[in-house]
Amino acid sequence: MAELDHKQRLLVNNWQKKYHRLSNVFIDSLVGLTAWETILALGNARKQIEKA
């Protein structure tokens, strides 16, 4: 997770505390996204988990 910027690390850590642990593949896919794009990706992940 060293490649994520500070805001992304905070978003991912908070999300994992509240919902579910994320895979390294998913976290790596967030590298290079803006904070807003990261929030959208995490929201989509939450929706997928709720469907399962």
C-alpha atoms as a PDB file:
ATOM      1  CA  MET A   1       0.000   0.000   0.000  1.00  0.00           C
ATOM      2  CA  ALA A   2       3.068   2.254  -0.114  1.00  0.00           C
ATOM      3  CA  GLU A   3       2.193   3.469  -3.603  1.00  0.00           C
ATOM      4  CA  LEU A   4      -1.101   5.063  -2.547  1.00  0.00           C
ATOM      5  CA  ASP A   5      -0.997   8.706  -1.576  1.00  0.00           C
ATOM      6  CA  HIS A   6      -1.842   9.784   1.968  1.00  0.00           C
ATOM      7  CA  LYS A   7      -5.533  10.524   1.322  1.00  0.00           C
ATOM      8  CA  GLN A   8      -6.009   7.207  -0.444  1.00  0.00           C
ATOM      9  CA  ARG A   9      -4.367   5.318   2.432  1.00  0.00           C
ATOM     10  CA  LEU A  10      -6.723   7.010   4.893  1.00  0.00           C
ATOM     11  CA  LEU A  11      -9.750   6.205   2.741  1.00  0.00           C
ATOM     12  CA  VAL A  12      -8.755   2.559   2.314  1.00  0.00           C
ATOM     13  CA  ASN A  13      -7.889   2.077   6.000  1.00  0.00           C
ATOM     14  CA  ASN A  14     -11.165   3.626   7.160  1.00  0.00           C
ATOM     15  CA  TRP A  15     -13.147   1.601   4.634  1.00  0.00           C
ATOM     16  CA  GLN A  16     -11.501  -1.650   5.762  1.00  0.00           C
ATOM     17  CA  LYS A  17     -12.273  -0.880   9.414  1.00  0.00           C
ATOM     18  CA  LYS A  18     -15.938  -0.253   8.638  1.00  0.00           C
ATOM     19  CA  TYR A  19     -16.684  -2.877   5.994  1.00  0.00           C
ATOM     20  CA  HIS A  20     -14.345  -5.636   4.909  1.00  0.00           C
ATOM     21  CA  ARG A  21     -10.666  -6.270   4.246  1.00  0.00           C
ATOM     22  CA  LEU A  22      -9.716  -5.468   0.640  1.00  0.00           C
ATOM     23  CA  SER A  23      -7.471  -7.622  -1.500  1.00  0.00           C
ATOM     24  CA  ASN A  24      -4.025  -6.379  -2.479  1.00  0.00           C
ATOM     25  CA  VAL A  25      -5.065  -6.568  -6.126  1.00  0.00           C
ATOM     26  CA  PHE A  26      -7.953  -4.175  -5.501  1.00  0.00           C
ATOM     27  CA  ILE A  27      -5.763  -1.813  -3.470  1.00  0.00           C
ATOM     28  CA  ASP A  28      -3.086  -1.849  -6.188  1.00  0.00           C
ATOM     29  CA  SER A  29      -5.750  -0.954  -8.749  1.00  0.00           C
ATOM     30  CA  LEU A  30      -6.394   2.305  -6.861  1.00  0.00           C
ATOM     31  CA  VAL A  31      -2.865   3.592  -7.482  1.00  0.00           C
ATOM     32  CA  GLY A  32      -2.943   6.718  -9.632  1.00  0.00           C
ATOM     33  CA  LEU A  33      -6.616   7.495  -9.049  1.00  0.00           C
ATOM     34  CA  THR A  34      -7.779  10.776  -7.570  1.00  0.00           C
ATOM     35  CA  ALA A  35      -9.386  10.845  -4.123  1.00  0.00           C
ATOM     36  CA  TRP A  36     -12.818  11.137  -5.741  1.00  0.00           C
ATOM     37  CA  GLU A  37     -12.189   8.177  -8.057  1.00  0.00           C
ATOM     38  CA  THR A  38     -11.005   6.177  -5.044  1.00  0.00           C
ATOM     39  CA  ILE A  39     -14.229   6.985  -3.177  1.00  0.00           C
ATOM     40  CA  LEU A  40     -16.274   5.869  -6.182  1.00  0.00           C
ATOM     41  CA  ALA A  41     -14.315   2.606  -6.479  1.00  0.00           C
ATOM     42  CA  LEU A  42     -14.784   1.880  -2.769  1.00  0.00           C
ATOM     43  CA  GLY A  43     -18.499   2.609  -3.100  1.00  0.00           C
ATOM     44  CA  ASN A  44     -18.780   0.158  -5.968  1.00  0.00           C
ATOM     45  CA  ALA A  45     -16.931  -2.471  -3.904  1.00  0.00           C
ATOM     46  CA  ARG A  46     -19.363  -1.940  -1.020  1.00  0.00           C
ATOM     47  CA  LYS A  47     -22.335  -2.406  -3.339  1.00  0.00           C
ATOM     48  CA  GLN A  48     -20.844  -5.661  -4.672  1.00  0.00           C
ATOM     49  CA  ILE A  49     -20.277  -6.975  -1.161  1.00  0.00           C
ATOM     50  CA  GLU A  50     -23.848  -6.114  -0.150  1.00  0.00           C
ATOM     51  CA  LYS A  51     -25.187  -8.051  -3.168  1.00  0.00           C
ATOM     52  CA  ALA A  52     -23.227 -11.173  -2.212  1.00  0.00           C
END
